[in-house]
PDB file of all heavy atoms in Angstrom:
ATOM      1  N   ALA A   1      81.968 -84.886-211.553  1.00  0.00           N
ATOM      2  CA  ALA A   1      81.834 -86.310-211.655  1.00  0.00           C
ATOM      3  C   ALA A   1      80.728 -86.747-212.555  1.00  0.00           C
ATOM      4  O   ALA A   1      80.978 -87.612-213.449  1.00  0.00           O
ATOM      5  CB  ALA A   1      81.681 -86.945-210.249  1.00  0.00           C
ATOM      6  N   LYS A   2      79.571 -86.105-212.538  1.00  0.00           N
ATOM      7  CA  LYS A   2      78.365 -86.484-213.384  1.00  0.00           C
ATOM      8  C   LYS A   2      78.622 -86.015-214.782  1.00  0.00           C
ATOM      9  O   LYS A   2      78.341 -86.751-215.739  1.00  0.00           O
ATOM     10  CB  LYS A   2      77.182 -85.894-212.791  1.00  0.00           C
ATOM     11  CG  LYS A   2      76.768 -86.344-211.414  1.00  0.00           C
ATOM     12  CD  LYS A   2      76.087 -87.683-211.488  1.00  0.00           C
ATOM     13  CE  LYS A   2      75.489 -87.954-210.117  1.00  0.00           C
ATOM     14  NZ  LYS A   2      74.995 -89.418-210.083  1.00  0.00           N
ATOM     15  N   LEU A   3      79.193 -84.747-214.952  1.00  0.00           N
ATOM     16  CA  LEU A   3      79.341 -84.225-216.273  1.00  0.00           C
ATOM     17  C   LEU A   3      80.394 -85.068-217.027  1.00  0.00           C
ATOM     18  O   LEU A   3      80.239 -85.326-218.205  1.00  0.00           O
ATOM     19  CB  LEU A   3      79.750 -82.762-216.199  1.00  0.00           C
ATOM     20  CG  LEU A   3      79.802 -82.002-217.535  1.00  0.00           C
ATOM     21  CD1 LEU A   3      78.491 -82.006-218.248  1.00  0.00           C
ATOM     22  CD2 LEU A   3      80.266 -80.568-217.323  1.00  0.00           C
ATOM     23  N   GLY A   4      81.475 -85.504-216.300  1.00  0.00           N
ATOM     24  CA  GLY A   4      82.395 -86.394-216.932  1.00  0.00           C
ATOM     25  C   GLY A   4      81.890 -87.730-217.418  1.00  0.00           C
ATOM     26  O   GLY A   4      82.229 -88.150-218.497  1.00  0.00           O
ATOM     27  N   THR A   5      80.921 -88.224-216.576  1.00  0.00           N
ATOM     28  CA  THR A   5      80.214 -89.552-216.988  1.00  0.00           C
ATOM     29  C   THR A   5      79.468 -89.366-218.257  1.00  0.00           C
ATOM     30  O   THR A   5      79.491 -90.245-219.103  1.00  0.00           O
ATOM     31  CB  THR A   5      79.390 -89.948-215.809  1.00  0.00           C
ATOM     32  OG1 THR A   5      80.245 -90.168-214.648  1.00  0.00           O
ATOM     33  CG2 THR A   5      78.756 -91.371-216.153  1.00  0.00           C
ATOM     34  N   VAL A   6      78.796 -88.212-218.333  1.00  0.00           N
ATOM     35  CA  VAL A   6      77.935 -87.936-219.429  1.00  0.00           C
ATOM     36  C   VAL A   6      78.738 -87.684-220.724  1.00  0.00           C
ATOM     37  O   VAL A   6      78.454 -88.303-221.801  1.00  0.00           O
ATOM     38  CB  VAL A   6      76.976 -86.669-219.203  1.00  0.00           C
ATOM     39  CG1 VAL A   6      76.274 -86.272-220.485  1.00  0.00           C
ATOM     40  CG2 VAL A   6      76.040 -86.980-218.084  1.00  0.00           C
ATOM     41  N   ILE A   7      79.800 -86.869-220.654  1.00  0.00           N
ATOM     42  CA  ILE A   7      80.573 -86.602-221.830  1.00  0.00           C
ATOM     43  C   ILE A   7      81.377 -87.854-222.245  1.00  0.00           C
ATOM     44  O   ILE A   7      81.564 -88.013-223.486  1.00  0.00           O
ATOM     45  CB  ILE A   7      81.552 -85.359-221.537  1.00  0.00           C
ATOM     46  CG1 ILE A   7      80.824 -84.124-221.121  1.00  0.00           C
ATOM     47  CG2 ILE A   7      82.506 -85.177-222.708  1.00  0.00           C
ATOM     48  CD1 ILE A   7      80.258 -83.294-222.213  1.00  0.00           C
ATOM     49  N   ARG A   8      81.689 -88.615-221.304  1.00  0.00           N
ATOM     50  CA  ARG A   8      82.446 -89.935-221.754  1.00  0.00           C
ATOM     51  C   ARG A   8      81.392 -90.989-222.202  1.00  0.00           C
ATOM     52  O   ARG A   8      81.850 -91.959-222.760  1.00  0.00           O
ATOM     53  CB  ARG A   8      83.116 -90.486-220.408  1.00  0.00           C
ATOM     54  CG  ARG A   8      84.335 -89.669-220.053  1.00  0.00           C
ATOM     55  CD  ARG A   8      85.060 -90.317-218.822  1.00  0.00           C
ATOM     56  NE  ARG A   8      86.120 -89.616-218.285  1.00  0.00           N
ATOM     57  CZ  ARG A   8      87.381 -89.479-218.680  1.00  0.00           C
ATOM     58  NH1 ARG A   8      87.729 -90.253-219.765  1.00  0.00           N
ATOM     59  NH2 ARG A   8      88.304 -88.828-218.039  1.00  0.00           N
ATOM     60  N   LYS A   9      80.109 -90.762-222.057  1.00  0.00           N
ATOM     61  CA  LYS A   9      79.035 -91.643-222.464  1.00  0.00           C
ATOM     62  C   LYS A   9      79.157 -92.982-221.764  1.00  0.00           C
ATOM     63  O   LYS A   9      78.941 -94.047-222.335  1.00  0.00           O
ATOM     64  CB  LYS A   9      79.061 -91.850-224.019  1.00  0.00           C
ATOM     65  CG  LYS A   9      78.899 -90.525-224.767  1.00  0.00           C
ATOM     66  CD  LYS A   9      78.712 -90.702-226.270  1.00  0.00           C
ATOM     67  CE  LYS A   9      80.130 -90.806-226.895  1.00  0.00           C
ATOM     68  NZ  LYS A   9      80.009 -90.599-228.361  1.00  0.00           N
ATOM     69  N   TRP A  10      79.488 -92.862-220.443  1.00  0.00           N
ATOM     70  CA  TRP A  10      79.571 -94.075-219.661  1.00  0.00           C
ATOM     71  C   TRP A  10      78.165 -94.401-219.049  1.00  0.00           C
ATOM     72  O   TRP A  10      77.358 -93.478-218.964  1.00  0.00           O
ATOM     73  CB  TRP A  10      80.573 -93.857-218.425  1.00  0.00           C
ATOM     74  CG  TRP A  10      81.982 -93.914-218.893  1.00  0.00           C
ATOM     75  CD1 TRP A  10      82.511 -94.170-220.097  1.00  0.00           C
ATOM     76  CD2 TRP A  10      83.165 -93.690-218.056  1.00  0.00           C
ATOM     77  NE1 TRP A  10      83.842 -94.082-220.128  1.00  0.00           N
ATOM     78  CE2 TRP A  10      84.294 -93.845-218.822  1.00  0.00           C
ATOM     79  CE3 TRP A  10      83.285 -93.445-216.664  1.00  0.00           C
ATOM     80  CZ2 TRP A  10      85.601 -93.694-218.222  1.00  0.00           C
ATOM     81  CZ3 TRP A  10      84.569 -93.260-216.183  1.00  0.00           C
ATOM     82  CH2 TRP A  10      85.727 -93.372-217.036  1.00  0.00           C
ATOM     83  N   ASN A  11      77.958 -95.681-218.698  1.00  0.00           N
ATOM     84  CA  ASN A  11      76.706 -96.056-218.077  1.00  0.00           C
ATOM     85  C   ASN A  11      75.466 -95.654-218.792  1.00  0.00           C
ATOM     86  O   ASN A  11      74.435 -95.515-218.169  1.00  0.00           O
ATOM     87  CB  ASN A  11      76.678 -95.538-216.660  1.00  0.00           C
ATOM     88  CG  ASN A  11      77.944 -95.732-215.793  1.00  0.00           C
ATOM     89  OD1 ASN A  11      78.738 -96.674-216.098  1.00  0.00           O
ATOM     90  ND2 ASN A  11      78.205 -94.882-214.846  1.00  0.00           N
ATOM     91  N   GLY A  12      75.615 -95.646-220.120  1.00  0.00           N
ATOM     92  CA  GLY A  12      74.399 -95.305-220.909  1.00  0.00           C
ATOM     93  C   GLY A  12      74.034 -93.800-220.863  1.00  0.00           C
ATOM     94  O   GLY A  12      72.897 -93.419-221.214  1.00  0.00           O
ATOM     95  N   GLU A  13      74.863 -93.021-220.199  1.00  0.00           N
ATOM     96  CA  GLU A  13      74.472 -91.587-220.043  1.00  0.00           C
ATOM     97  C   GLU A  13      74.522 -90.849-221.448  1.00  0.00           C
ATOM     98  O   GLU A  13      75.312 -91.163-222.311  1.00  0.00           O
ATOM     99  CB  GLU A  13      75.421 -90.903-219.140  1.00  0.00           C
ATOM    100  CG  GLU A  13      75.192 -91.330-217.644  1.00  0.00           C
ATOM    101  CD  GLU A  13      74.052 -90.791-216.924  1.00  0.00           C
ATOM    102  OE1 GLU A  13      73.136 -90.145-217.644  1.00  0.00           O
ATOM    103  OE2 GLU A  13      73.939 -90.925-215.723  1.00  0.00           O
ATOM    104  N   LYS A  14      73.651 -89.847-221.713  1.00  0.00           N
ATOM    105  CA  LYS A  14      73.600 -89.096-222.951  1.00  0.00           C
ATOM    106  C   LYS A  14      73.525 -87.605-222.591  1.00  0.00           C
ATOM    107  O   LYS A  14      72.853 -87.244-221.564  1.00  0.00           O
ATOM    108  CB  LYS A  14      72.391 -89.564-223.777  1.00  0.00           C
ATOM    109  CG  LYS A  14      72.357 -90.997-224.113  1.00  0.00           C
ATOM    110  CD  LYS A  14      70.989 -91.352-224.755  1.00  0.00           C
ATOM    111  CE  LYS A  14      71.030 -92.845-225.208  1.00  0.00           C
ATOM    112  NZ  LYS A  14      69.708 -93.222-225.695  1.00  0.00           N
ATOM    113  N   MET A  15      74.046 -86.823-223.458  1.00  0.00           N
ATOM    114  CA  MET A  15      73.933 -85.372-223.299  1.00  0.00           C
ATOM    115  C   MET A  15      72.443 -84.872-223.345  1.00  0.00           C
ATOM    116  O   MET A  15      72.119 -83.845-222.725  1.00  0.00           O
ATOM    117  CB  MET A  15      74.712 -84.601-224.318  1.00  0.00           C
ATOM    118  CG  MET A  15      76.262 -84.703-224.091  1.00  0.00           C
ATOM    119  SD  MET A  15      77.270 -83.514-225.086  1.00  0.00           S
ATOM    120  CE  MET A  15      76.994 -81.988-224.183  1.00  0.00           C
ATOM    121  N   ALA A  16      71.609 -85.686-223.975  1.00  0.00           N
ATOM    122  CA  ALA A  16      70.177 -85.330-224.000  1.00  0.00           C
ATOM    123  C   ALA A  16      69.582 -85.254-222.542  1.00  0.00           C
ATOM    124  O   ALA A  16      68.659 -84.532-222.304  1.00  0.00           O
ATOM    125  CB  ALA A  16      69.405 -86.363-224.846  1.00  0.00           C
ATOM    126  N   TYR A  17      70.151 -86.048-221.630  1.00  0.00           N
ATOM    127  CA  TYR A  17      69.706 -86.089-220.300  1.00  0.00           C
ATOM    128  C   TYR A  17      70.063 -84.805-219.495  1.00  0.00           C
ATOM    129  O   TYR A  17      69.667 -84.592-218.322  1.00  0.00           O
ATOM    130  CB  TYR A  17      70.305 -87.283-219.580  1.00  0.00           C
ATOM    131  CG  TYR A  17      69.992 -88.622-220.104  1.00  0.00           C
ATOM    132  CD1 TYR A  17      70.691 -89.748-219.823  1.00  0.00           C
ATOM    133  CD2 TYR A  17      68.837 -88.772-221.070  1.00  0.00           C
ATOM    134  CE1 TYR A  17      70.464 -90.986-220.374  1.00  0.00           C
ATOM    135  CE2 TYR A  17      68.592 -89.975-221.534  1.00  0.00           C
ATOM    136  CZ  TYR A  17      69.423 -91.127-221.213  1.00  0.00           C
ATOM    137  OH  TYR A  17      69.104 -92.399-221.803  1.00  0.00           O
ATOM    138  N   LEU A  18      70.890 -83.902-220.111  1.00  0.00           N
ATOM    139  CA  LEU A  18      71.351 -82.700-219.416  1.00  0.00           C
ATOM    140  C   LEU A  18      70.252 -81.569-219.426  1.00  0.00           C
ATOM    141  O   LEU A  18      70.529 -80.513-218.906  1.00  0.00           O
ATOM    142  CB  LEU A  18      72.639 -82.170-219.969  1.00  0.00           C
ATOM    143  CG  LEU A  18      73.864 -83.057-219.848  1.00  0.00           C
ATOM    144  CD1 LEU A  18      75.006 -82.545-220.725  1.00  0.00           C
ATOM    145  CD2 LEU A  18      74.230 -83.323-218.418  1.00  0.00           C
ATOM    146  N   LYS A  19      69.093 -81.825-219.991  1.00  0.00           N
ATOM    147  CA  LYS A  19      68.076 -80.881-220.080  1.00  0.00           C
ATOM    148  C   LYS A  19      67.735 -80.220-218.769  1.00  0.00           C
ATOM    149  O   LYS A  19      67.435 -79.068-218.701  1.00  0.00           O
ATOM    150  CB  LYS A  19      66.807 -81.404-220.789  1.00  0.00           C
ATOM    151  CG  LYS A  19      65.767 -80.399-221.034  1.00  0.00           C
ATOM    152  CD  LYS A  19      64.555 -81.013-221.817  1.00  0.00           C
ATOM    153  CE  LYS A  19      63.553 -79.913-222.194  1.00  0.00           C
ATOM    154  NZ  LYS A  19      62.419 -80.472-223.023  1.00  0.00           N
ATOM    155  N   ASN A  20      67.663 -81.000-217.714  1.00  0.00           N
ATOM    156  CA  ASN A  20      67.373 -80.590-216.374  1.00  0.00           C
ATOM    157  C   ASN A  20      68.587 -80.417-215.454  1.00  0.00           C
ATOM    158  O   ASN A  20      68.522 -80.670-214.280  1.00  0.00           O
ATOM    159  CB  ASN A  20      66.212 -81.381-215.726  1.00  0.00           C
ATOM    160  CG  ASN A  20      66.746 -82.748-215.378  1.00  0.00           C
ATOM    161  OD1 ASN A  20      67.697 -83.229-216.043  1.00  0.00           O
ATOM    162  ND2 ASN A  20      66.105 -83.457-214.417  1.00  0.00           N
ATOM    163  N   TRP A  21      69.738 -80.191-216.093  1.00  0.00           N
ATOM    164  CA  TRP A  21      71.020 -80.116-215.346  1.00  0.00           C
ATOM    165  C   TRP A  21      70.955 -79.152-214.257  1.00  0.00           C
ATOM    166  O   TRP A  21      70.299 -78.059-214.373  1.00  0.00           O
ATOM    167  CB  TRP A  21      72.122 -79.700-216.372  1.00  0.00           C
ATOM    168  CG  TRP A  21      73.509 -79.641-215.772  1.00  0.00           C
ATOM    169  CD1 TRP A  21      74.280 -78.494-215.722  1.00  0.00           C
ATOM    170  CD2 TRP A  21      74.345 -80.733-215.434  1.00  0.00           C
ATOM    171  NE1 TRP A  21      75.528 -78.958-215.182  1.00  0.00           N
ATOM    172  CE2 TRP A  21      75.542 -80.274-215.009  1.00  0.00           C
ATOM    173  CE3 TRP A  21      74.071 -82.065-215.333  1.00  0.00           C
ATOM    174  CZ2 TRP A  21      76.644 -81.045-214.552  1.00  0.00           C
ATOM    175  CZ3 TRP A  21      75.164 -82.952-214.848  1.00  0.00           C
ATOM    176  CH2 TRP A  21      76.397 -82.365-214.500  1.00  0.00           C
ATOM    177  N   GLY A  22      71.523 -79.419-213.130  1.00  0.00           N
ATOM    178  CA  GLY A  22      71.645 -78.566-211.987  1.00  0.00           C
ATOM    179  C   GLY A  22      70.876 -79.173-210.790  1.00  0.00           C
ATOM    180  O   GLY A  22      71.103 -80.463-210.488  1.00  0.00           O
ATOM    181  N   GLU A  23      69.913 -78.451-210.227  1.00  0.00           N
ATOM    182  CA  GLU A  23      69.168 -78.984-209.058  1.00  0.00           C
ATOM    183  C   GLU A  23      68.480 -80.289-209.470  1.00  0.00           C
ATOM    184  O   GLU A  23      68.327 -81.187-208.614  1.00  0.00           O
ATOM    185  CB  GLU A  23      68.155 -78.000-208.512  1.00  0.00           C
ATOM    186  CG  GLU A  23      68.846 -76.947-207.769  1.00  0.00           C
ATOM    187  CD  GLU A  23      69.075 -75.637-208.556  1.00  0.00           C
ATOM    188  OE1 GLU A  23      69.165 -75.714-209.840  1.00  0.00           O
ATOM    189  OE2 GLU A  23      69.072 -74.489-208.075  1.00  0.00           O
ATOM    190  N   GLY A  24      68.062 -80.425-210.736  1.00  0.00           N
ATOM    191  CA  GLY A  24      67.343 -81.559-211.232  1.00  0.00           C
ATOM    192  C   GLY A  24      68.207 -82.823-211.146  1.00  0.00           C
ATOM    193  O   GLY A  24      67.618 -83.963-211.237  1.00  0.00           O
ATOM    194  N   TRP A  25      69.489 -82.732-210.974  1.00  0.00           N
ATOM    195  CA  TRP A  25      70.379 -83.851-210.827  1.00  0.00           C
ATOM    196  C   TRP A  25      70.800 -84.105-209.418  1.00  0.00           C
ATOM    197  O   TRP A  25      71.682 -84.837-209.114  1.00  0.00           O
ATOM    198  CB  TRP A  25      71.610 -83.635-211.693  1.00  0.00           C
ATOM    199  CG  TRP A  25      71.496 -83.922-213.200  1.00  0.00           C
ATOM    200  CD1 TRP A  25      70.525 -83.275-214.059  1.00  0.00           C
ATOM    201  CD2 TRP A  25      72.031 -84.917-213.959  1.00  0.00           C
ATOM    202  NE1 TRP A  25      70.599 -83.792-215.268  1.00  0.00           N
ATOM    203  CE2 TRP A  25      71.605 -84.795-215.321  1.00  0.00           C
ATOM    204  CE3 TRP A  25      73.110 -85.838-213.699  1.00  0.00           C
ATOM    205  CZ2 TRP A  25      71.994 -85.638-216.310  1.00  0.00           C
ATOM    206  CZ3 TRP A  25      73.495 -86.692-214.722  1.00  0.00           C
ATOM    207  CH2 TRP A  25      73.028 -86.563-215.975  1.00  0.00           C
ATOM    208  N   GLY A  26      70.053 -83.353-208.510  1.00  0.00           N
ATOM    209  CA  GLY A  26      70.379 -83.566-207.089  1.00  0.00           C
ATOM    210  C   GLY A  26      71.467 -82.732-206.522  1.00  0.00           C
ATOM    211  O   GLY A  26      72.082 -83.003-205.516  1.00  0.00           O
ATOM    212  N   PHE A  27      71.907 -81.667-207.325  1.00  0.00           N
ATOM    213  CA  PHE A  27      72.937 -80.790-206.829  1.00  0.00           C
ATOM    214  C   PHE A  27      72.336 -79.795-205.867  1.00  0.00           C
ATOM    215  O   PHE A  27      71.171 -79.552-205.772  1.00  0.00           O
ATOM    216  CB  PHE A  27      73.522 -80.008-208.025  1.00  0.00           C
ATOM    217  CG  PHE A  27      74.134 -80.881-209.148  1.00  0.00           C
ATOM    218  CD1 PHE A  27      74.363 -80.409-210.326  1.00  0.00           C
ATOM    219  CD2 PHE A  27      74.421 -82.254-208.879  1.00  0.00           C
ATOM    220  CE1 PHE A  27      74.926 -81.228-211.378  1.00  0.00           C
ATOM    221  CE2 PHE A  27      75.053 -83.038-209.891  1.00  0.00           C
ATOM    222  CZ  PHE A  27      75.294 -82.527-211.086  1.00  0.00           C
ATOM    223  N   VAL A  28      73.282 -79.072-205.195  1.00  0.00           N
ATOM    224  CA  VAL A  28      72.845 -78.086-204.203  1.00  0.00           C
ATOM    225  C   VAL A  28      72.231 -76.956-204.974  1.00  0.00           C
ATOM    226  O   VAL A  28      72.454 -76.808-206.224  1.00  0.00           O
ATOM    227  CB  VAL A  28      74.093 -77.502-203.334  1.00  0.00           C
ATOM    228  CG1 VAL A  28      74.752 -78.767-202.614  1.00  0.00           C
ATOM    229  CG2 VAL A  28      75.065 -76.811-204.096  1.00  0.00           C
ATOM    230  N   PRO A  29      71.423 -76.082-204.283  1.00  0.00           N
ATOM    231  CA  PRO A  29      70.864 -74.907-205.035  1.00  0.00           C
ATOM    232  C   PRO A  29      71.957 -74.109-205.731  1.00  0.00           C
ATOM    233  O   PRO A  29      73.050 -73.917-205.219  1.00  0.00           O
ATOM    234  CB  PRO A  29      70.208 -74.078-203.963  1.00  0.00           C
ATOM    235  CG  PRO A  29      69.942 -75.074-202.835  1.00  0.00           C
ATOM    236  CD  PRO A  29      71.029 -76.107-202.922  1.00  0.00           C
ATOM    237  N   SER A  30      71.602 -73.553-206.942  1.00  0.00           N
ATOM    238  CA  SER A  30      72.508 -72.880-207.790  1.00  0.00           C
ATOM    239  C   SER A  30      73.162 -71.678-207.055  1.00  0.00           C
ATOM    240  O   SER A  30      74.388 -71.376-207.213  1.00  0.00           O
ATOM    241  CB  SER A  30      71.752 -72.312-209.002  1.00  0.00           C
ATOM    242  OG  SER A  30      72.655 -71.612-209.870  1.00  0.00           O
ATOM    243  N   ASP A  31      72.473 -70.926-206.243  1.00  0.00           N
ATOM    244  CA  ASP A  31      73.070 -69.780-205.547  1.00  0.00           C
ATOM    245  C   ASP A  31      73.844 -70.162-204.338  1.00  0.00           C
ATOM    246  O   ASP A  31      74.368 -69.307-203.653  1.00  0.00           O
ATOM    247  CB  ASP A  31      71.921 -68.775-205.111  1.00  0.00           C
ATOM    248  CG  ASP A  31      71.028 -69.365-204.187  1.00  0.00           C
ATOM    249  OD1 ASP A  31      71.124 -70.522-203.787  1.00  0.00           O
ATOM    250  OD2 ASP A  31      70.050 -68.524-203.766  1.00  0.00           O
ATOM    251  N   ARG A  32      73.986 -71.502-204.133  1.00  0.00           N
ATOM    252  CA  ARG A  32      74.903 -71.988-203.077  1.00  0.00           C
ATOM    253  C   ARG A  32      76.071 -72.763-203.592  1.00  0.00           C
ATOM    254  O   ARG A  32      76.867 -73.361-202.853  1.00  0.00           O
ATOM    255  CB  ARG A  32      74.058 -72.839-202.049  1.00  0.00           C
ATOM    256  CG  ARG A  32      73.068 -72.070-201.274  1.00  0.00           C
ATOM    257  CD  ARG A  32      73.683 -71.045-200.303  1.00  0.00           C
ATOM    258  NE  ARG A  32      72.632 -70.263-199.570  1.00  0.00           N
ATOM    259  CZ  ARG A  32      72.127 -69.155-200.064  1.00  0.00           C
ATOM    260  NH1 ARG A  32      72.504 -68.639-201.209  1.00  0.00           N
ATOM    261  NH2 ARG A  32      71.288 -68.476-199.288  1.00  0.00           N
ATOM    262  N   ALA A  33      76.166 -72.882-204.902  1.00  0.00           N
ATOM    263  CA  ALA A  33      77.189 -73.820-205.518  1.00  0.00           C
ATOM    264  C   ALA A  33      78.321 -73.090-206.130  1.00  0.00           C
ATOM    265  O   ALA A  33      78.124 -72.104-206.869  1.00  0.00           O
ATOM    266  CB  ALA A  33      76.479 -74.645-206.630  1.00  0.00           C
ATOM    267  N   LEU A  34      79.549 -73.595-205.866  1.00  0.00           N
ATOM    268  CA  LEU A  34      80.714 -73.260-206.666  1.00  0.00           C
ATOM    269  C   LEU A  34      80.985 -74.521-207.522  1.00  0.00           C
ATOM    270  O   LEU A  34      81.178 -75.563-206.926  1.00  0.00           O
ATOM    271  CB  LEU A  34      81.937 -72.814-205.817  1.00  0.00           C
ATOM    272  CG  LEU A  34      83.044 -72.456-206.763  1.00  0.00           C
ATOM    273  CD1 LEU A  34      83.513 -71.017-206.437  1.00  0.00           C
ATOM    274  CD2 LEU A  34      84.193 -73.410-206.625  1.00  0.00           C
ATOM    275  N   VAL A  35      81.128 -74.422-208.825  1.00  0.00           N
ATOM    276  CA  VAL A  35      81.209 -75.566-209.733  1.00  0.00           C
ATOM    277  C   VAL A  35      82.500 -75.474-210.539  1.00  0.00           C
ATOM    278  O   VAL A  35      83.014 -74.430-210.818  1.00  0.00           O
ATOM    279  CB  VAL A  35      79.939 -75.680-210.609  1.00  0.00           C
ATOM    280  CG1 VAL A  35      78.698 -75.925-209.760  1.00  0.00           C
ATOM    281  CG2 VAL A  35      79.805 -74.550-211.547  1.00  0.00           C
ATOM    282  N   PHE A  36      82.963 -76.741-210.975  1.00  0.00           N
ATOM    283  CA  PHE A  36      84.137 -76.849-211.735  1.00  0.00           C
ATOM    284  C   PHE A  36      84.090 -78.232-212.384  1.00  0.00           C
ATOM    285  O   PHE A  36      83.363 -79.146-211.916  1.00  0.00           O
ATOM    286  CB  PHE A  36      85.295 -76.698-210.817  1.00  0.00           C
ATOM    287  CG  PHE A  36      85.130 -77.497-209.475  1.00  0.00           C
ATOM    288  CD1 PHE A  36      85.688 -78.822-209.463  1.00  0.00           C
ATOM    289  CD2 PHE A  36      84.543 -76.954-208.461  1.00  0.00           C
ATOM    290  CE1 PHE A  36      85.490 -79.489-208.177  1.00  0.00           C
ATOM    291  CE2 PHE A  36      84.298 -77.708-207.230  1.00  0.00           C
ATOM    292  CZ  PHE A  36      84.802 -78.956-207.106  1.00  0.00           C
ATOM    293  N   VAL A  37      84.775 -78.336-213.499  1.00  0.00           N
ATOM    294  CA  VAL A  37      84.930 -79.579-214.156  1.00  0.00           C
ATOM    295  C   VAL A  37      85.862 -80.501-213.449  1.00  0.00           C
ATOM    296  O   VAL A  37      85.723 -81.730-213.222  1.00  0.00           O
ATOM    297  CB  VAL A  37      85.244 -79.452-215.638  1.00  0.00           C
ATOM    298  CG1 VAL A  37      85.587 -80.813-216.298  1.00  0.00           C
ATOM    299  CG2 VAL A  37      84.115 -78.712-216.418  1.00  0.00           C
ATOM    300  N   ASP A  38      87.068 -79.879-213.026  1.00  0.00           N
ATOM    301  CA  ASP A  38      88.071 -80.640-212.227  1.00  0.00           C
ATOM    302  C   ASP A  38      88.733 -79.643-211.321  1.00  0.00           C
ATOM    303  O   ASP A  38      88.610 -78.470-211.465  1.00  0.00           O
ATOM    304  CB  ASP A  38      89.116 -81.268-213.141  1.00  0.00           C
ATOM    305  CG  ASP A  38      89.944 -80.238-213.961  1.00  0.00           C
ATOM    306  OD1 ASP A  38      89.288 -79.204-214.429  1.00  0.00           O
ATOM    307  OD2 ASP A  38      91.073 -80.480-214.341  1.00  0.00           O
ATOM    308  N   ASN A  39      89.434 -80.139-210.306  1.00  0.00           N
ATOM    309  CA  ASN A  39      90.198 -79.272-209.442  1.00  0.00           C
ATOM    310  C   ASN A  39      91.529 -79.863-209.209  1.00  0.00           C
ATOM    311  O   ASN A  39      91.850 -81.046-209.669  1.00  0.00           O
ATOM    312  CB  ASN A  39      89.430 -78.913-208.105  1.00  0.00           C
ATOM    313  CG  ASN A  39      89.475 -80.057-207.050  1.00  0.00           C
ATOM    314  OD1 ASN A  39      89.812 -81.245-207.415  1.00  0.00           O
ATOM    315  ND2 ASN A  39      89.221 -79.749-205.814  1.00  0.00           N
ATOM    316  N   HIS A  40      92.332 -79.301-208.447  1.00  0.00           N
ATOM    317  CA  HIS A  40      93.773 -79.775-208.162  1.00  0.00           C
ATOM    318  C   HIS A  40      93.832 -81.130-207.544  1.00  0.00           C
ATOM    319  O   HIS A  40      94.794 -81.810-207.754  1.00  0.00           O
ATOM    320  CB  HIS A  40      94.594 -78.714-207.375  1.00  0.00           C
ATOM    321  CG  HIS A  40      94.160 -78.683-205.877  1.00  0.00           C
ATOM    322  ND1 HIS A  40      93.094 -77.845-205.538  1.00  0.00           N
ATOM    323  CD2 HIS A  40      94.690 -79.222-204.851  1.00  0.00           C
ATOM    324  CE1 HIS A  40      92.948 -78.051-204.270  1.00  0.00           C
ATOM    325  NE2 HIS A  40      93.859 -78.764-203.755  1.00  0.00           N
ATOM    326  N   ASP A  41      92.828 -81.456-206.741  1.00  0.00           N
ATOM    327  CA  ASP A  41      92.829 -82.705-206.185  1.00  0.00           C
ATOM    328  C   ASP A  41      92.345 -83.860-207.064  1.00  0.00           C
ATOM    329  O   ASP A  41      93.022 -84.787-207.315  1.00  0.00           O
ATOM    330  CB  ASP A  41      91.838 -82.708-204.886  1.00  0.00           C
ATOM    331  CG  ASP A  41      92.494 -82.329-203.647  1.00  0.00           C
ATOM    332  OD1 ASP A  41      93.552 -82.767-203.356  1.00  0.00           O
ATOM    333  OD2 ASP A  41      91.890 -81.536-202.916  1.00  0.00           O
ATOM    334  N   ASN A  42      91.129 -83.636-207.578  1.00  0.00           N
ATOM    335  CA  ASN A  42      90.537 -84.763-208.302  1.00  0.00           C
ATOM    336  C   ASN A  42      91.067 -85.018-209.722  1.00  0.00           C
ATOM    337  O   ASN A  42      90.917 -86.011-210.300  1.00  0.00           O
ATOM    338  CB  ASN A  42      88.915 -84.655-208.370  1.00  0.00           C
ATOM    339  CG  ASN A  42      88.395 -83.557-209.144  1.00  0.00           C
ATOM    340  OD1 ASN A  42      89.077 -82.934-209.908  1.00  0.00           O
ATOM    341  ND2 ASN A  42      87.138 -83.268-208.848  1.00  0.00           N
ATOM    342  N   GLN A  43      91.876 -83.992-210.261  1.00  0.00           N
ATOM    343  CA  GLN A  43      92.570 -84.282-211.442  1.00  0.00           C
ATOM    344  C   GLN A  43      93.720 -85.272-211.303  1.00  0.00           C
ATOM    345  O   GLN A  43      94.229 -85.823-212.227  1.00  0.00           O
ATOM    346  CB  GLN A  43      93.020 -83.060-212.231  1.00  0.00           C
ATOM    347  CG  GLN A  43      94.114 -82.304-211.534  1.00  0.00           C
ATOM    348  CD  GLN A  43      94.693 -81.096-212.337  1.00  0.00           C
ATOM    349  OE1 GLN A  43      95.788 -80.645-212.068  1.00  0.00           O
ATOM    350  NE2 GLN A  43      93.929 -80.579-213.350  1.00  0.00           N
ATOM    351  N   ARG A  44      94.059 -85.508-210.033  1.00  0.00           N
ATOM    352  CA  ARG A  44      95.067 -86.465-209.681  1.00  0.00           C
ATOM    353  C   ARG A  44      94.528 -87.762-209.076  1.00  0.00           C
ATOM    354  O   ARG A  44      95.212 -88.638-208.581  1.00  0.00           O
ATOM    355  CB  ARG A  44      96.060 -85.843-208.687  1.00  0.00           C
ATOM    356  CG  ARG A  44      96.897 -84.786-209.205  1.00  0.00           C
ATOM    357  CD  ARG A  44      97.583 -83.916-208.156  1.00  0.00           C
ATOM    358  NE  ARG A  44      98.580 -82.998-208.731  1.00  0.00           N
ATOM    359  CZ  ARG A  44      98.258 -81.986-209.518  1.00  0.00           C
ATOM    360  NH1 ARG A  44      96.959 -81.679-209.668  1.00  0.00           N
ATOM    361  NH2 ARG A  44      99.241 -81.189-210.118  1.00  0.00           N
ATOM    362  N   GLY A  45      93.228 -87.897-208.999  1.00  0.00           N
ATOM    363  CA  GLY A  45      92.565 -89.028-208.407  1.00  0.00           C
ATOM    364  C   GLY A  45      92.275 -88.928-206.947  1.00  0.00           C
ATOM    365  O   GLY A  45      91.854 -89.845-206.282  1.00  0.00           O
ATOM    366  N   HIS A  46      92.611 -87.713-206.370  1.00  0.00           N
ATOM    367  CA  HIS A  46      92.384 -87.462-204.997  1.00  0.00           C
ATOM    368  C   HIS A  46      90.955 -86.846-204.829  1.00  0.00           C
ATOM    369  O   HIS A  46      90.349 -86.535-205.687  1.00  0.00           O
ATOM    370  CB  HIS A  46      93.441 -86.522-204.341  1.00  0.00           C
ATOM    371  CG  HIS A  46      94.805 -87.057-204.373  1.00  0.00           C
ATOM    372  ND1 HIS A  46      95.357 -87.568-203.315  1.00  0.00           N
ATOM    373  CD2 HIS A  46      95.770 -87.050-205.345  1.00  0.00           C
ATOM    374  CE1 HIS A  46      96.682 -87.926-203.658  1.00  0.00           C
ATOM    375  NE2 HIS A  46      96.847 -87.594-204.821  1.00  0.00           N
TER     376      HIS A  46
END
């Protein structure tokens, strides 16, 4: 959701802000995270 907002440049977001990507963005610890750009649900709006 956040990466899509940044790449789309919505809400004034910039790729420069990705310098502290990960836990710095309030995500779960890296060794507890499974990550993806989209999945079967949210690519359909679910």
